[in-house]
Amino acid sequence: MENVHFRREDSLENAGRRAMAASLSDIAAMGARPVLATISLALPPENAHDDALALYRGVAACADANACAIVGGDLTRAPLVALAVTVVGEVRPSNVKARSGARPGDVIALTGSLGAARAAGFRAIPELRLAEGRWLAGSAAVNAMMDVSDGLSTDLARMCAQSKCGALIERVPIAATAETAARAAGEEPETYALAAGEDFELLVALKARAFRYVAARFRKRFGRELEQVGVMREGSGVFRETRTGEQEVAATGWDHFS
């Protein structure tokens, strides 16, 4: 939505790419393979043709890169630009990993580091984790999964609420560009990364006894670490370890209605 997710002076092509990426990342979080997408556009009439082409260039580039066919959609006149993307994917029912499946004692892990998208001003779209999502969904050790689109502080709290348990963050993997950007802004890098959105890494809760085995196989398959972040536990709320003890983590990521 114009003036909510992007502004007119920003690149419409990038807005289209981001919208498609966000929906594809949701498919990745369910361990699914994208099949098709529909696109609905609302546009002011003054420059509708050029605006539509710019948005579709971004949408199509992201869809093509991830083997997702655009099969239809809708157009309408509106006072502001609005873009709605619906992606359909397929997954074996036994492989679906909801965000409600985490259990106390589970290891919390991420498929990569955080904060790079925020550091780039959301101009660069991180690589989507579709292959990783399908691979993790096939593991019986994985109890829950979702993507980090709104910031770890916010999304982990959502997983905890759905799973009816709490979480302790022991470390936050921070992208090098995010650490540089945080220090330049006078922010503590871990706090900066906890609030960063649109990283599209996958947040995973998996059985503690299987973590080392799964992490070793993940490293061999994808050539990078499955980053251990913390542990699920009894209770509620998200906390992190600090030098002075545990500190409650506020949900500082993207909130759709604030």
Foldseek 3Di string as FASTA:
>chain_A
DDPQPHHPPDFLLLVLLLQLLVQVLQCLQFLWQWEEKEKEKEEAPPCVVVSVVRSVNNNVVNCVVRVYYYDYYYYYYDPHIDMHMHIDTDDDPQLGAALQFADFQWWKWKPAAFDPCVLVVVSDQADACNVVSNVVSPDPQWGHKGWFAFFQLAVVQVSCVSNVWEWEWEDHGHDPSQCVSQVVVVHHSVLNRRADGNNSIMIITGHPVCVVVVQVVCCVVPVDGGGTTTGIRHDHFYWYQDPVGIDGRHNNTDDPPD
